[in-house]
PDB file of all heavy atoms in Angstrom:
ATOM      1  N   SER A   1       0.838  -1.197   0.000  1.00  0.00           N
ATOM      2  CA  SER A   1       0.000   0.000   0.000  1.00  0.00           C
ATOM      3  C   SER A   1       0.872   1.245   0.000  1.00  0.00           C
ATOM      4  O   SER A   1       1.878   1.335   0.704  1.00  0.00           O
ATOM      5  CB  SER A   1      -0.898  -0.012   1.237  1.00  0.00           C
ATOM      6  OG  SER A   1      -1.713   1.148   1.277  1.00  0.00           O
ATOM      7  N   GLY A   2       0.495   2.218  -0.847  1.00  0.00           N
ATOM      8  CA  GLY A   2       1.262   3.443  -0.951  1.00  0.00           C
ATOM      9  C   GLY A   2       2.396   3.390  -1.938  1.00  0.00           C
ATOM     10  O   GLY A   2       3.077   4.392  -2.161  1.00  0.00           O
ATOM     11  N   GLN A   3       2.614   2.237  -2.546  1.00  0.00           N
ATOM     12  CA  GLN A   3       3.657   2.061  -3.551  1.00  0.00           C
ATOM     13  C   GLN A   3       3.029   1.731  -4.900  1.00  0.00           C
ATOM     14  O   GLN A   3       1.916   1.209  -4.970  1.00  0.00           O
ATOM     15  CB  GLN A   3       4.609   0.944  -3.142  1.00  0.00           C
ATOM     16  CG  GLN A   3       5.369   1.225  -1.861  1.00  0.00           C
ATOM     17  CD  GLN A   3       6.337   2.374  -1.996  1.00  0.00           C
ATOM     18  OE1 GLN A   3       6.980   2.542  -3.041  1.00  0.00           O
ATOM     19  NE2 GLN A   3       6.443   3.186  -0.944  1.00  0.00           N
ATOM     20  N   PRO A   4       3.713   2.017  -6.018  1.00  0.00           N
ATOM     21  CA  PRO A   4       3.170   1.653  -7.327  1.00  0.00           C
ATOM     22  C   PRO A   4       3.000   0.144  -7.463  1.00  0.00           C
ATOM     23  O   PRO A   4       3.736  -0.644  -6.866  1.00  0.00           O
ATOM     24  CB  PRO A   4       4.220   2.179  -8.306  1.00  0.00           C
ATOM     25  CG  PRO A   4       4.988   3.210  -7.540  1.00  0.00           C
ATOM     26  CD  PRO A   4       4.989   2.744  -6.118  1.00  0.00           C
ATOM     27  N   THR A   5       2.048  -0.254  -8.249  1.00  0.00           N
ATOM     28  CA  THR A   5       1.838  -1.666  -8.531  1.00  0.00           C
ATOM     29  C   THR A   5       3.031  -2.243  -9.286  1.00  0.00           C
ATOM     30  O   THR A   5       3.785  -1.516  -9.937  1.00  0.00           O
ATOM     31  CB  THR A   5       0.549  -1.852  -9.351  1.00  0.00           C
ATOM     32  OG1 THR A   5       0.271  -3.245  -9.513  1.00  0.00           O
ATOM     33  CG2 THR A   5       0.669  -1.206 -10.722  1.00  0.00           C
ATOM     34  N   ALA A   6       3.211  -3.562  -9.187  1.00  0.00           N
ATOM     35  CA  ALA A   6       4.367  -4.189  -9.835  1.00  0.00           C
ATOM     36  C   ALA A   6       4.120  -5.681 -10.004  1.00  0.00           C
ATOM     37  O   ALA A   6       3.165  -6.241  -9.468  1.00  0.00           O
ATOM     38  CB  ALA A   6       5.634  -3.959  -9.009  1.00  0.00           C
ATOM     39  N   ASN A   7       4.995  -6.300 -10.799  1.00  0.00           N
ATOM     40  CA  ASN A   7       5.124  -7.767 -10.862  1.00  0.00           C
ATOM     41  C   ASN A   7       3.885  -8.493 -11.371  1.00  0.00           C
ATOM     42  O   ASN A   7       3.625  -9.625 -10.985  1.00  0.00           O
ATOM     43  CB  ASN A   7       5.513  -8.312  -9.483  1.00  0.00           C
ATOM     44  CG  ASN A   7       6.755  -7.660  -8.934  1.00  0.00           C
ATOM     45  OD1 ASN A   7       7.731  -7.487  -9.653  1.00  0.00           O
ATOM     46  ND2 ASN A   7       6.715  -7.260  -7.671  1.00  0.00           N
ATOM     47  N   GLY A   8       3.133  -7.868 -12.256  1.00  0.00           N
ATOM     48  CA  GLY A   8       1.991  -8.547 -12.869  1.00  0.00           C
ATOM     49  C   GLY A   8       0.668  -8.303 -12.182  1.00  0.00           C
ATOM     50  O   GLY A   8      -0.362  -8.794 -12.651  1.00  0.00           O
ATOM     51  N   LEU A   9       0.653  -7.534 -11.092  1.00  0.00           N
ATOM     52  CA  LEU A   9      -0.617  -7.257 -10.409  1.00  0.00           C
ATOM     53  C   LEU A   9      -1.549  -6.451 -11.292  1.00  0.00           C
ATOM     54  O   LEU A   9      -2.777  -6.608 -11.221  1.00  0.00           O
ATOM     55  CB  LEU A   9      -0.353  -6.523  -9.095  1.00  0.00           C
ATOM     56  CG  LEU A   9      -1.586  -6.135  -8.270  1.00  0.00           C
ATOM     57  CD1 LEU A   9      -2.429  -7.349  -7.920  1.00  0.00           C
ATOM     58  CD2 LEU A   9      -1.174  -5.379  -7.002  1.00  0.00           C
ATOM     59  N   THR A  10      -1.009  -5.588 -12.152  1.00  0.00           N
ATOM     60  CA  THR A  10      -1.857  -4.767 -13.017  1.00  0.00           C
ATOM     61  C   THR A  10      -2.728  -5.626 -13.920  1.00  0.00           C
ATOM     62  O   THR A  10      -3.923  -5.355 -14.103  1.00  0.00           O
ATOM     63  CB  THR A  10      -0.991  -3.808 -13.856  1.00  0.00           C
ATOM     64  OG1 THR A  10      -0.409  -2.841 -12.983  1.00  0.00           O
ATOM     65  CG2 THR A  10      -1.817  -3.096 -14.912  1.00  0.00           C
ATOM     66  N   GLN A  11      -2.165  -6.679 -14.496  1.00  0.00           N
ATOM     67  CA  GLN A  11      -2.961  -7.538 -15.377  1.00  0.00           C
ATOM     68  C   GLN A  11      -4.093  -8.218 -14.622  1.00  0.00           C
ATOM     69  O   GLN A  11      -5.177  -8.433 -15.168  1.00  0.00           O
ATOM     70  CB  GLN A  11      -2.066  -8.590 -16.044  1.00  0.00           C
ATOM     71  CG  GLN A  11      -1.121  -8.028 -17.105  1.00  0.00           C
ATOM     72  CD  GLN A  11       0.213  -7.591 -16.547  1.00  0.00           C
ATOM     73  OE1 GLN A  11       0.306  -7.186 -15.383  1.00  0.00           O
ATOM     74  NE2 GLN A  11       1.262  -7.684 -17.360  1.00  0.00           N
ATOM     75  N   LEU A  12      -3.854  -8.542 -13.359  1.00  0.00           N
ATOM     76  CA  LEU A  12      -4.923  -9.125 -12.551  1.00  0.00           C
ATOM     77  C   LEU A  12      -5.968  -8.069 -12.210  1.00  0.00           C
ATOM     78  O   LEU A  12      -7.170  -8.298 -12.369  1.00  0.00           O
ATOM     79  CB  LEU A  12      -4.355  -9.746 -11.278  1.00  0.00           C
ATOM     80  CG  LEU A  12      -5.366 -10.466 -10.381  1.00  0.00           C
ATOM     81  CD1 LEU A  12      -4.735 -11.686  -9.721  1.00  0.00           C
ATOM     82  CD2 LEU A  12      -5.936  -9.544  -9.301  1.00  0.00           C
ATOM     83  N   ALA A  13      -5.534  -6.888 -11.754  1.00  0.00           N
ATOM     84  CA  ALA A  13      -6.460  -5.858 -11.293  1.00  0.00           C
ATOM     85  C   ALA A  13      -7.273  -5.251 -12.437  1.00  0.00           C
ATOM     86  O   ALA A  13      -8.418  -4.838 -12.240  1.00  0.00           O
ATOM     87  CB  ALA A  13      -5.695  -4.755 -10.570  1.00  0.00           C
ATOM     88  N   GLU A  14      -6.700  -5.188 -13.645  1.00  0.00           N
ATOM     89  CA  GLU A  14      -7.389  -4.575 -14.766  1.00  0.00           C
ATOM     90  C   GLU A  14      -8.171  -5.570 -15.610  1.00  0.00           C
ATOM     91  O   GLU A  14      -9.223  -5.232 -16.173  1.00  0.00           O
ATOM     92  CB  GLU A  14      -6.387  -3.868 -15.678  1.00  0.00           C
ATOM     93  CG  GLU A  14      -5.738  -2.647 -15.066  1.00  0.00           C
ATOM     94  CD  GLU A  14      -4.860  -1.903 -16.049  1.00  0.00           C
ATOM     95  OE1 GLU A  14      -4.788  -2.324 -17.235  1.00  0.00           O
ATOM     96  OE2 GLU A  14      -4.246  -0.913 -15.640  1.00  0.00           O
ATOM     97  N   ALA A  15      -7.678  -6.812 -15.707  1.00  0.00           N
ATOM     98  CA  ALA A  15      -8.292  -7.764 -16.636  1.00  0.00           C
ATOM     99  C   ALA A  15      -8.583  -9.124 -16.016  1.00  0.00           C
ATOM    100  O   ALA A  15      -9.082 -10.019 -16.708  1.00  0.00           O
ATOM    101  CB  ALA A  15      -7.394  -7.938 -17.860  1.00  0.00           C
ATOM    102  N   GLY A  16      -8.262  -9.314 -14.739  1.00  0.00           N
ATOM    103  CA  GLY A  16      -8.529 -10.605 -14.111  1.00  0.00           C
ATOM    104  C   GLY A  16      -7.589 -11.694 -14.557  1.00  0.00           C
ATOM    105  O   GLY A  16      -7.846 -12.884 -14.328  1.00  0.00           O
ATOM    106  N   ASN A  17      -6.467 -11.323 -15.166  1.00  0.00           N
ATOM    107  CA  ASN A  17      -5.483 -12.302 -15.651  1.00  0.00           C
ATOM    108  C   ASN A  17      -4.458 -12.546 -14.550  1.00  0.00           C
ATOM    109  O   ASN A  17      -3.592 -11.701 -14.288  1.00  0.00           O
ATOM    110  CB  ASN A  17      -4.810 -11.764 -16.911  1.00  0.00           C
ATOM    111  CG  ASN A  17      -3.742 -12.703 -17.457  1.00  0.00           C
ATOM    112  OD1 ASN A  17      -3.565 -13.817 -16.962  1.00  0.00           O
ATOM    113  ND2 ASN A  17      -3.025 -12.245 -18.467  1.00  0.00           N
ATOM    114  N   ASN A  18      -4.527 -13.720 -13.910  1.00  0.00           N
ATOM    115  CA  ASN A  18      -3.634 -13.999 -12.783  1.00  0.00           C
ATOM    116  C   ASN A  18      -2.301 -14.610 -13.201  1.00  0.00           C
ATOM    117  O   ASN A  18      -1.421 -14.819 -12.357  1.00  0.00           O
ATOM    118  CB  ASN A  18      -4.322 -14.904 -11.762  1.00  0.00           C
ATOM    119  CG  ASN A  18      -4.649 -16.290 -12.310  1.00  0.00           C
ATOM    120  OD1 ASN A  18      -4.585 -16.524 -13.517  1.00  0.00           O
ATOM    121  ND2 ASN A  18      -5.043 -17.201 -11.438  1.00  0.00           N
ATOM    122  N   ALA A  19      -2.120 -14.906 -14.486  1.00  0.00           N
ATOM    123  CA  ALA A  19      -0.902 -15.611 -14.924  1.00  0.00           C
ATOM    124  C   ALA A  19       0.378 -14.809 -14.710  1.00  0.00           C
ATOM    125  O   ALA A  19       1.361 -15.353 -14.178  1.00  0.00           O
ATOM    126  CB  ALA A  19      -1.045 -16.037 -16.384  1.00  0.00           C
ATOM    127  N   PRO A  20       0.460 -13.543 -15.122  1.00  0.00           N
ATOM    128  CA  PRO A  20       1.723 -12.818 -14.907  1.00  0.00           C
ATOM    129  C   PRO A  20       2.101 -12.690 -13.440  1.00  0.00           C
ATOM    130  O   PRO A  20       3.270 -12.850 -13.084  1.00  0.00           O
ATOM    131  CB  PRO A  20       1.445 -11.447 -15.547  1.00  0.00           C
ATOM    132  CG  PRO A  20       0.372 -11.702 -16.553  1.00  0.00           C
ATOM    133  CD  PRO A  20      -0.504 -12.745 -15.920  1.00  0.00           C
ATOM    134  N   LEU A  21       1.126 -12.384 -12.585  1.00  0.00           N
ATOM    135  CA  LEU A  21       1.429 -12.266 -11.160  1.00  0.00           C
ATOM    136  C   LEU A  21       1.886 -13.605 -10.603  1.00  0.00           C
ATOM    137  O   LEU A  21       2.842 -13.663  -9.810  1.00  0.00           O
ATOM    138  CB  LEU A  21       0.208 -11.763 -10.392  1.00  0.00           C
ATOM    139  CG  LEU A  21       0.371 -11.647  -8.872  1.00  0.00           C
ATOM    140  CD1 LEU A  21       1.494 -10.687  -8.505  1.00  0.00           C
ATOM    141  CD2 LEU A  21      -0.939 -11.193  -8.231  1.00  0.00           C
ATOM    142  N   TYR A  22       1.237 -14.696 -11.012  1.00  0.00           N
ATOM    143  CA  TYR A  22       1.651 -15.988 -10.482  1.00  0.00           C
ATOM    144  C   TYR A  22       3.028 -16.389 -10.974  1.00  0.00           C
ATOM    145  O   TYR A  22       3.787 -17.030 -10.246  1.00  0.00           O
ATOM    146  CB  TYR A  22       0.637 -17.080 -10.823  1.00  0.00           C
ATOM    147  CG  TYR A  22       1.023 -18.402 -10.200  1.00  0.00           C
ATOM    148  CD1 TYR A  22       1.208 -18.509  -8.821  1.00  0.00           C
ATOM    149  CD2 TYR A  22       1.255 -19.538 -10.972  1.00  0.00           C
ATOM    150  CE1 TYR A  22       1.585 -19.698  -8.230  1.00  0.00           C
ATOM    151  CE2 TYR A  22       1.629 -20.735 -10.393  1.00  0.00           C
ATOM    152  CZ  TYR A  22       1.797 -20.808  -9.032  1.00  0.00           C
ATOM    153  OH  TYR A  22       2.186 -21.989  -8.442  1.00  0.00           O
ATOM    154  N   THR A  23       3.384 -15.996 -12.180  1.00  0.00           N
ATOM    155  CA  THR A  23       4.741 -16.268 -12.664  1.00  0.00           C
ATOM    156  C   THR A  23       5.769 -15.644 -11.727  1.00  0.00           C
ATOM    157  O   THR A  23       6.781 -16.263 -11.377  1.00  0.00           O
ATOM    158  CB  THR A  23       4.921 -15.726 -14.091  1.00  0.00           C
ATOM    159  OG1 THR A  23       4.031 -16.420 -14.973  1.00  0.00           O
ATOM    160  CG2 THR A  23       6.354 -15.911 -14.571  1.00  0.00           C
ATOM    161  N   TYR A  24       5.496 -14.409 -11.303  1.00  0.00           N
ATOM    162  CA  TYR A  24       6.390 -13.739 -10.362  1.00  0.00           C
ATOM    163  C   TYR A  24       6.380 -14.426  -9.003  1.00  0.00           C
ATOM    164  O   TYR A  24       7.436 -14.709  -8.419  1.00  0.00           O
ATOM    165  CB  TYR A  24       5.995 -12.272 -10.217  1.00  0.00           C
ATOM    166  CG  TYR A  24       6.666 -11.590  -9.053  1.00  0.00           C
ATOM    167  CD1 TYR A  24       7.996 -11.191  -9.134  1.00  0.00           C
ATOM    168  CD2 TYR A  24       5.980 -11.363  -7.864  1.00  0.00           C
ATOM    169  CE1 TYR A  24       8.626 -10.577  -8.066  1.00  0.00           C
ATOM    170  CE2 TYR A  24       6.603 -10.757  -6.782  1.00  0.00           C
ATOM    171  CZ  TYR A  24       7.921 -10.370  -6.885  1.00  0.00           C
ATOM    172  OH  TYR A  24       8.538  -9.779  -5.808  1.00  0.00           O
ATOM    173  N   ILE A  25       5.189 -14.698  -8.482  1.00  0.00           N
ATOM    174  CA  ILE A  25       5.070 -15.329  -7.160  1.00  0.00           C
ATOM    175  C   ILE A  25       5.745 -16.701  -7.156  1.00  0.00           C
ATOM    176  O   ILE A  25       6.480 -17.053  -6.224  1.00  0.00           O
ATOM    177  CB  ILE A  25       3.588 -15.461  -6.761  1.00  0.00           C
ATOM    178  CG1 ILE A  25       2.979 -14.076  -6.508  1.00  0.00           C
ATOM    179  CG2 ILE A  25       3.424 -16.353  -5.541  1.00  0.00           C
ATOM    180  CD1 ILE A  25       3.534 -13.361  -5.301  1.00  0.00           C
ATOM    181  N   LYS A  26       5.529 -17.461  -8.194  1.00  0.00           N
ATOM    182  CA  LYS A  26       6.120 -18.803  -8.270  1.00  0.00           C
ATOM    183  C   LYS A  26       7.637 -18.731  -8.308  1.00  0.00           C
ATOM    184  O   LYS A  26       8.319 -19.600  -7.749  1.00  0.00           O
ATOM    185  CB  LYS A  26       5.594 -19.541  -9.504  1.00  0.00           C
ATOM    186  CG  LYS A  26       5.991 -21.002  -9.574  1.00  0.00           C
ATOM    187  CD  LYS A  26       5.349 -21.702 -10.759  1.00  0.00           C
ATOM    188  CE  LYS A  26       5.725 -23.177 -10.804  1.00  0.00           C
ATOM    189  NZ  LYS A  26       5.110 -23.873 -11.963  1.00  0.00           N
ATOM    190  N   SER A  27       8.180 -17.699  -8.942  1.00  0.00           N
ATOM    191  CA  SER A  27       9.638 -17.564  -9.018  1.00  0.00           C
ATOM    192  C   SER A  27      10.253 -17.277  -7.656  1.00  0.00           C
ATOM    193  O   SER A  27      11.455 -17.448  -7.476  1.00  0.00           O
ATOM    194  CB  SER A  27      10.020 -16.453 -10.005  1.00  0.00           C
ATOM    195  OG  SER A  27       9.709 -15.167  -9.477  1.00  0.00           O
ATOM    196  N   ASN A  28       9.441 -16.819  -6.708  1.00  0.00           N
ATOM    197  CA  ASN A  28       9.908 -16.551  -5.352  1.00  0.00           C
ATOM    198  C   ASN A  28       9.479 -17.626  -4.355  1.00  0.00           C
ATOM    199  O   ASN A  28       9.623 -17.438  -3.143  1.00  0.00           O
ATOM    200  CB  ASN A  28       9.393 -15.187  -4.891  1.00  0.00           C
ATOM    201  CG  ASN A  28      10.127 -14.044  -5.549  1.00  0.00           C
ATOM    202  OD1 ASN A  28      11.220 -13.681  -5.163  1.00  0.00           O
ATOM    203  ND2 ASN A  28       9.527 -13.493  -6.592  1.00  0.00           N
ATOM    204  N   THR A  29       8.965 -18.730  -4.868  1.00  0.00           N
ATOM    205  CA  THR A  29       8.495 -19.833  -4.026  1.00  0.00           C
ATOM    206  C   THR A  29       9.447 -21.008  -4.165  1.00  0.00           C
ATOM    207  O   THR A  29       9.807 -21.394  -5.271  1.00  0.00           O
ATOM    208  CB  THR A  29       7.078 -20.272  -4.439  1.00  0.00           C
ATOM    209  OG1 THR A  29       6.207 -19.150  -4.409  1.00  0.00           O
ATOM    210  CG2 THR A  29       6.546 -21.352  -3.508  1.00  0.00           C
ATOM    211  N   GLY A  30       9.850 -21.568  -3.030  1.00  0.00           N
ATOM    212  CA  GLY A  30      10.770 -22.704  -3.097  1.00  0.00           C
ATOM    213  C   GLY A  30      11.360 -23.029  -1.752  1.00  0.00           C
ATOM    214  O   GLY A  30      10.663 -23.040  -0.737  1.00  0.00           O
ATOM    215  N   ILE A  31      12.660 -23.249  -1.706  1.00  0.00           N
ATOM    216  CA  ILE A  31      13.325 -23.772  -0.514  1.00  0.00           C
ATOM    217  C   ILE A  31      14.111 -22.677   0.190  1.00  0.00           C
ATOM    218  O   ILE A  31      14.780 -21.861  -0.424  1.00  0.00           O
ATOM    219  CB  ILE A  31      14.267 -24.925  -0.901  1.00  0.00           C
ATOM    220  CG1 ILE A  31      13.486 -26.021  -1.630  1.00  0.00           C
ATOM    221  CG2 ILE A  31      14.950 -25.501   0.329  1.00  0.00           C
ATOM    222  CD1 ILE A  31      12.309 -26.582  -0.857  1.00  0.00           C
ATOM    223  N   PHE A  32      13.994 -22.696   1.492  1.00  0.00           N
ATOM    224  CA  PHE A  32      14.797 -21.845   2.368  1.00  0.00           C
ATOM    225  C   PHE A  32      15.085 -22.659   3.617  1.00  0.00           C
ATOM    226  O   PHE A  32      14.159 -23.129   4.281  1.00  0.00           O
ATOM    227  CB  PHE A  32      14.041 -20.566   2.747  1.00  0.00           C
ATOM    228  CG  PHE A  32      14.762 -19.726   3.767  1.00  0.00           C
ATOM    229  CD1 PHE A  32      15.652 -18.748   3.368  1.00  0.00           C
ATOM    230  CD2 PHE A  32      14.563 -19.923   5.125  1.00  0.00           C
ATOM    231  CE1 PHE A  32      16.323 -17.973   4.299  1.00  0.00           C
ATOM    232  CE2 PHE A  32      15.229 -19.157   6.068  1.00  0.00           C
ATOM    233  CZ  PHE A  32      16.108 -18.181   5.655  1.00  0.00           C
ATOM    234  N   THR A  33      16.350 -22.870   3.922  1.00  0.00           N
ATOM    235  CA  THR A  33      16.680 -23.574   5.161  1.00  0.00           C
ATOM    236  C   THR A  33      18.111 -23.288   5.580  1.00  0.00           C
ATOM    237  O   THR A  33      19.009 -23.240   4.738  1.00  0.00           O
ATOM    238  CB  THR A  33      16.492 -25.094   5.032  1.00  0.00           C
ATOM    239  OG1 THR A  33      16.667 -25.703   6.326  1.00  0.00           O
ATOM    240  CG2 THR A  33      17.449 -25.718   4.043  1.00  0.00           C
ATOM    241  N   PRO A  34      18.325 -23.047   6.861  1.00  0.00           N
ATOM    242  CA  PRO A  34      19.688 -23.041   7.379  1.00  0.00           C
ATOM    243  C   PRO A  34      20.179 -24.468   7.571  1.00  0.00           C
ATOM    244  O   PRO A  34      19.384 -25.416   7.539  1.00  0.00           O
ATOM    245  CB  PRO A  34      19.550 -22.319   8.714  1.00  0.00           C
ATOM    246  CG  PRO A  34      18.151 -22.616   9.145  1.00  0.00           C
ATOM    247  CD  PRO A  34      17.331 -22.748   7.897  1.00  0.00           C
ATOM    248  N   LEU A  35      21.472 -24.621   7.752  1.00  0.00           N
ATOM    249  CA  LEU A  35      22.066 -25.891   8.143  1.00  0.00           C
ATOM    250  C   LEU A  35      22.541 -25.770   9.582  1.00  0.00           C
ATOM    251  O   LEU A  35      22.997 -24.722  10.010  1.00  0.00           O
ATOM    252  CB  LEU A  35      23.254 -26.242   7.240  1.00  0.00           C
ATOM    253  CG  LEU A  35      22.995 -26.293   5.737  1.00  0.00           C
ATOM    254  CD1 LEU A  35      24.280 -26.614   4.996  1.00  0.00           C
ATOM    255  CD2 LEU A  35      21.902 -27.292   5.399  1.00  0.00           C
ATOM    256  N   SER A  36      22.447 -26.853  10.309  1.00  0.00           N
ATOM    257  CA  SER A  36      22.921 -26.846  11.697  1.00  0.00           C
ATOM    258  C   SER A  36      24.443 -26.989  11.735  1.00  0.00           C
ATOM    259  O   SER A  36      25.080 -27.271  10.708  1.00  0.00           O
ATOM    260  CB  SER A  36      22.282 -28.004  12.465  1.00  0.00           C
ATOM    261  OG  SER A  36      22.809 -29.248  12.035  1.00  0.00           O
ATOM    262  N   PRO A  37      25.064 -26.797  12.905  1.00  0.00           N
ATOM    263  CA  PRO A  37      26.501 -27.080  13.033  1.00  0.00           C
ATOM    264  C   PRO A  37      26.849 -28.458  12.458  1.00  0.00           C
ATOM    265  O   PRO A  37      26.078 -29.413  12.610  1.00  0.00           O
ATOM    266  CB  PRO A  37      26.725 -27.015  14.544  1.00  0.00           C
ATOM    267  CG  PRO A  37      25.722 -26.001  15.003  1.00  0.00           C
ATOM    268  CD  PRO A  37      24.502 -26.266  14.154  1.00  0.00           C
ATOM    269  N   ILE A  38      27.994 -28.542  11.808  1.00  0.00           N
ATOM    270  CA  ILE A  38      28.363 -29.724  11.021  1.00  0.00           C
ATOM    271  C   ILE A  38      29.118 -30.738  11.873  1.00  0.00           C
ATOM    272  O   ILE A  38      30.147 -30.420  12.470  1.00  0.00           O
ATOM    273  CB  ILE A  38      29.245 -29.329   9.822  1.00  0.00           C
ATOM    274  CG1 ILE A  38      28.662 -28.121   9.076  1.00  0.00           C
ATOM    275  CG2 ILE A  38      29.434 -30.526   8.897  1.00  0.00           C
ATOM    276  CD1 ILE A  38      27.334 -28.350   8.445  1.00  0.00           C
ATOM    277  N   LEU A  39      28.615 -31.973  11.915  1.00  0.00           N
ATOM    278  CA  LEU A  39      29.351 -33.074  12.536  1.00  0.00           C
ATOM    279  C   LEU A  39      30.290 -33.653  11.489  1.00  0.00           C
ATOM    280  O   LEU A  39      29.865 -34.007  10.381  1.00  0.00           O
ATOM    281  CB  LEU A  39      28.392 -34.155  13.022  1.00  0.00           C
ATOM    282  CG  LEU A  39      29.063 -35.396  13.623  1.00  0.00           C
ATOM    283  CD1 LEU A  39      29.512 -35.103  15.048  1.00  0.00           C
ATOM    284  CD2 LEU A  39      28.138 -36.601  13.589  1.00  0.00           C
ATOM    285  N   VAL A  40      31.583 -33.745  11.822  1.00  0.00           N
ATOM    286  CA  VAL A  40      32.592 -34.319  10.932  1.00  0.00           C
ATOM    287  C   VAL A  40      33.285 -35.454  11.673  1.00  0.00           C
ATOM    288  O   VAL A  40      33.746 -35.270  12.799  1.00  0.00           O
ATOM    289  CB  VAL A  40      33.630 -33.264  10.495  1.00  0.00           C
ATOM    290  CG1 VAL A  40      34.676 -33.900   9.591  1.00  0.00           C
ATOM    291  CG2 VAL A  40      32.947 -32.102   9.793  1.00  0.00           C
TER     292      VAL A  40
END
């Protein structure tokens, strides 16, 4: 809120096309994990 639209939201808000926004969202979806101290 208070910032310009970006990343495909315009196509959804203007035409109901969710594909561009989901392409962006999907590109930021995946794996994130730290590793614990290493036993050697």
